[in-house]
Amino acid sequence: MTLPTWGGKREGAGRKPNGPKAGVPHLRRPALASRFPVHVTMRVLPHVWNLRSRRSFGVIGKAVGAAAQLFGMRVCEFSVQRSHLHLIVEATDEAALARGMKGLGVRLARGLNRMMDRRRGKVLADRYHEHILRTPSEIKRAVNYVRHSYRIHVIERGGVLPADFVDPYSSASREHGIELADPHTSLLGQNRSRHAEEPGD
């Protein structure tokens, strides 16, 4: 292949993803208004131990709790899966979201590396994925997905869980022990109140 000598995009150019597969495209983050919550997904690299263990969850809980109200970002809902985390957060703007997520990422990396026999190096697979929740229906679906993500994954794999199952590694549980921030956006606050009133949720 003959490369152009001037201008154009060079094959293979640009920042490489942290993981073995291409992750979230490195595009400019969309503008964020403080009235909109955000569904964030963070993935870890393959060498990281199962996040759904007591040891891992202890580390994650400390990191999330410390970052629950950090740099203008608030963590309001969460779920921990084997290789990734789902969060519902609020932030004053896109810069505050970026700072808060960076702070959370640093805490997760340090804590998980320390747990894994004092390893060093990268923990997160690539940039976090974000989806701004702009409508009441989007917020309702996202909160339900985050709080019940484990059940959804089990069903997708053909598994079965008891009807009254509550994921202890999510904000659906009343005993997860993580101090989350109270929502400031009215629609997210209404969703939390509704879930809190539901028995067995």
Protein backbone atom coordinates (compact mmCIF):
# COMPACT_ATOMS: atom_id res chain seq x y z
CA MET A 1 0.00 0.00 0.00
CA THR A 2 1.36 3.41 -0.97
CA LEU A 3 0.81 6.05 1.67
CA PRO A 4 0.04 9.64 0.66
CA THR A 5 2.93 12.01 1.09
CA TRP A 6 0.79 14.95 2.16
CA GLY A 7 -2.49 15.27 4.03
CA GLY A 8 -5.13 12.65 4.62
CA LYS A 9 -5.55 10.15 7.41
CA ARG A 10 -2.65 7.75 7.95
CA GLU A 11 -3.68 4.11 8.41
CA GLY A 12 -3.33 3.07 12.04
CA ALA A 13 -2.86 6.62 13.26
CA GLY A 14 -4.40 7.97 16.45
CA ARG A 15 -4.56 6.99 20.08
CA LYS A 16 -4.89 3.22 20.62
CA PRO A 17 -7.50 1.73 22.99
CA ASN A 18 -6.28 0.36 26.33
CA GLY A 19 -7.85 -3.05 25.81
CA PRO A 20 -7.38 -5.74 23.16
CA LYS A 21 -10.54 -4.60 21.37
CA ALA A 22 -11.52 -1.15 20.23
CA GLY A 23 -13.52 0.53 22.95
CA VAL A 24 -15.49 3.75 23.04
CA PRO A 25 -14.58 6.02 20.10
CA HIS A 26 -12.39 8.93 21.12
CA LEU A 27 -14.83 11.58 20.03
CA ARG A 28 -15.60 14.89 21.67
CA ARG A 29 -17.93 14.36 24.62
CA PRO A 30 -21.43 15.82 24.12
CA ALA A 31 -22.47 18.92 26.04
CA LEU A 32 -24.23 18.09 29.29
CA ALA A 33 -26.85 20.20 31.04
CA SER A 34 -27.13 19.79 34.81
CA ARG A 35 -30.84 18.87 34.55
CA PHE A 36 -30.02 15.58 32.76
CA PRO A 37 -28.73 12.44 34.53
CA VAL A 38 -26.21 10.22 32.72
CA HIS A 39 -25.95 6.42 32.41
CA VAL A 40 -22.24 5.56 32.53
CA THR A 41 -20.61 2.18 31.84
CA MET A 42 -17.01 1.43 32.92
CA ARG A 43 -15.23 -1.76 31.83
CA VAL A 44 -12.12 -3.38 33.26
CA LEU A 45 -9.35 -5.27 31.49
CA PRO A 46 -9.46 -9.10 31.20
CA HIS A 47 -6.80 -9.66 33.88
CA VAL A 48 -8.86 -7.91 36.56
CA TRP A 49 -10.48 -10.28 39.05
CA ASN A 50 -14.22 -10.86 39.10
CA LEU A 51 -15.82 -7.64 40.35
CA ARG A 52 -18.77 -9.56 41.80
CA SER A 53 -16.88 -10.86 44.81
CA ARG A 54 -16.83 -9.57 48.37
CA ARG A 55 -13.22 -8.45 48.12
CA SER A 56 -13.70 -6.62 44.83
CA PHE A 57 -17.00 -5.11 45.93
CA GLY A 58 -15.36 -3.81 49.09
CA VAL A 59 -12.82 -1.94 46.97
CA ILE A 60 -15.46 -0.69 44.53
CA GLY A 61 -17.72 0.41 47.36
CA LYS A 62 -14.98 2.57 48.90
CA ALA A 63 -14.15 4.10 45.50
CA VAL A 64 -17.76 4.82 44.60
CA GLY A 65 -18.52 6.15 48.08
CA ALA A 66 -15.52 8.49 47.94
CA ALA A 67 -16.54 9.68 44.47
CA ALA A 68 -20.28 9.87 45.17
CA GLN A 69 -20.03 13.66 45.40
CA LEU A 70 -16.77 14.64 43.76
CA PHE A 71 -15.84 17.56 41.48
CA GLY A 72 -19.47 18.46 40.82
CA MET A 73 -20.49 14.87 39.98
CA ARG A 74 -22.93 12.75 42.02
CA VAL A 75 -23.25 8.95 41.86
CA CYS A 76 -26.91 8.11 42.50
CA GLU A 77 -27.36 4.50 41.33
CA PHE A 78 -24.98 1.63 40.52
CA SER A 79 -24.60 -2.03 39.70
CA VAL A 80 -21.47 -4.16 39.64
CA GLN A 81 -21.16 -6.91 37.01
CA ARG A 82 -18.33 -9.36 36.52
CA SER A 83 -16.28 -7.13 34.22
CA HIS A 84 -18.01 -3.76 34.26
CA LEU A 85 -19.94 -1.25 36.31
CA HIS A 86 -23.11 0.65 35.51
CA LEU A 87 -23.67 4.04 37.14
CA ILE A 88 -26.39 6.67 37.06
CA VAL A 89 -24.72 9.99 37.79
CA GLU A 90 -25.50 13.68 37.76
CA ALA A 91 -23.02 16.44 36.97
CA THR A 92 -23.11 20.20 36.62
CA ASP A 93 -21.68 19.97 33.09
CA GLU A 94 -19.52 17.76 30.86
CA ALA A 95 -16.28 19.03 32.44
CA ALA A 96 -17.50 18.09 35.93
CA LEU A 97 -18.51 14.66 34.64
CA ALA A 98 -15.06 14.13 33.14
CA ARG A 99 -13.30 15.20 36.35
CA GLY A 100 -15.54 13.07 38.53
CA MET A 101 -15.12 9.99 36.34
CA LYS A 102 -11.37 10.47 36.26
CA GLY A 103 -11.28 10.66 40.05
CA LEU A 104 -13.39 7.52 40.33
CA GLY A 105 -11.21 5.71 37.78
CA VAL A 106 -8.04 6.54 39.72
CA ARG A 107 -9.56 5.25 42.97
CA LEU A 108 -10.75 2.05 41.30
CA ALA A 109 -7.38 1.38 39.69
CA ARG A 110 -5.43 1.93 42.90
CA GLY A 111 -7.77 -0.13 45.01
CA LEU A 112 -8.12 -3.07 42.61
CA ASN A 113 -4.37 -3.19 41.91
CA ARG A 114 -3.67 -3.22 45.64
CA MET A 115 -6.16 -6.06 46.10
CA MET A 116 -4.68 -8.10 43.22
CA ASP A 117 -1.38 -8.80 45.01
CA ARG A 118 -0.24 -5.21 44.70
CA ARG A 119 -0.19 -5.13 40.92
CA ARG A 120 0.58 -1.96 38.97
CA GLY A 121 -0.69 -0.70 35.66
CA LYS A 122 -3.97 -0.22 33.85
CA VAL A 123 -7.26 -1.53 35.19
CA LEU A 124 -9.92 0.16 33.09
CA ALA A 125 -10.34 -1.15 29.54
CA ASP A 126 -10.85 2.21 27.83
CA ARG A 127 -12.87 5.37 28.02
CA TYR A 128 -16.17 5.12 29.84
CA HIS A 129 -19.36 5.05 27.79
CA GLU A 130 -21.99 7.66 28.56
CA HIS A 131 -25.64 8.07 27.59
CA ILE A 132 -27.36 11.31 28.57
CA LEU A 133 -30.90 10.69 29.81
CA ARG A 134 -33.08 13.46 28.44
CA THR A 135 -36.64 12.17 28.88
CA PRO A 136 -38.65 10.63 31.73
CA SER A 137 -38.93 7.32 29.83
CA GLU A 138 -35.14 7.17 29.25
CA ILE A 139 -34.51 7.79 32.95
CA LYS A 140 -37.03 5.14 34.01
CA ARG A 141 -35.54 2.53 31.65
CA ALA A 142 -31.96 3.34 32.63
CA VAL A 143 -32.63 3.17 36.38
CA ASN A 144 -34.46 -0.13 35.96
CA TYR A 145 -31.63 -1.53 33.82
CA VAL A 146 -28.91 -0.49 36.26
CA ARG A 147 -30.69 -1.74 39.36
CA HIS A 148 -31.65 -5.07 37.74
CA SER A 149 -28.77 -5.55 35.31
CA TYR A 150 -27.65 -8.87 36.83
CA ARG A 151 -31.12 -10.39 36.46
CA ILE A 152 -31.29 -9.16 32.86
CA HIS A 153 -27.92 -10.76 32.05
CA VAL A 154 -28.92 -14.06 33.69
CA ILE A 155 -32.17 -14.22 31.71
CA GLU A 156 -30.33 -13.42 28.48
CA ARG A 157 -28.12 -16.47 29.13
CA GLY A 158 -31.16 -18.66 29.72
CA GLY A 159 -30.87 -18.70 33.50
CA VAL A 160 -33.54 -18.28 36.17
CA LEU A 161 -33.58 -16.30 39.42
CA PRO A 162 -36.19 -16.27 42.21
CA ALA A 163 -38.93 -13.68 41.72
CA ASP A 164 -37.90 -11.88 44.92
CA PHE A 165 -34.17 -11.84 44.10
CA VAL A 166 -32.47 -8.51 44.88
CA ASP A 167 -28.94 -8.03 43.60
CA PRO A 168 -26.66 -7.33 46.60
CA TYR A 169 -24.10 -5.78 44.25
CA SER A 170 -26.43 -2.99 43.15
CA SER A 171 -28.30 0.00 44.49
CA ALA A 172 -31.47 -2.10 44.37
CA SER A 173 -30.31 -3.63 47.65
CA ARG A 174 -30.96 -1.82 50.92
CA GLU A 175 -27.84 -3.39 52.42
CA HIS A 176 -25.07 -2.58 49.94
CA GLY A 177 -23.47 -0.19 52.45
CA ILE A 178 -22.40 2.48 49.94
CA GLU A 179 -23.34 6.06 50.75
CA LEU A 180 -24.79 7.36 47.50
CA ALA A 181 -25.64 10.96 46.69
CA ASP A 182 -29.22 12.18 46.77
CA PRO A 183 -30.42 13.09 43.26
CA HIS A 184 -30.73 16.78 42.42
CA THR A 185 -32.63 16.32 39.17
CA SER A 186 -36.33 15.99 39.89
CA LEU A 187 -37.03 13.10 37.50
CA LEU A 188 -34.26 10.94 38.93
CA GLY A 189 -35.40 11.74 42.44
CA GLN A 190 -38.93 10.64 41.59
CA ASN A 191 -37.60 7.33 40.23
CA ARG A 192 -35.60 6.67 43.40
CA SER A 193 -38.64 7.41 45.59
CA ARG A 194 -40.79 5.05 43.56
CA HIS A 195 -38.24 2.22 43.81
CA ALA A 196 -37.78 2.78 47.54
CA GLU A 197 -41.50 2.27 48.06
CA GLU A 198 -41.64 -1.01 46.14
CA PRO A 199 -41.49 -4.08 48.44
CA GLY A 200 -38.69 -6.50 47.67
CA ASP A 201 -36.82 -3.98 45.49
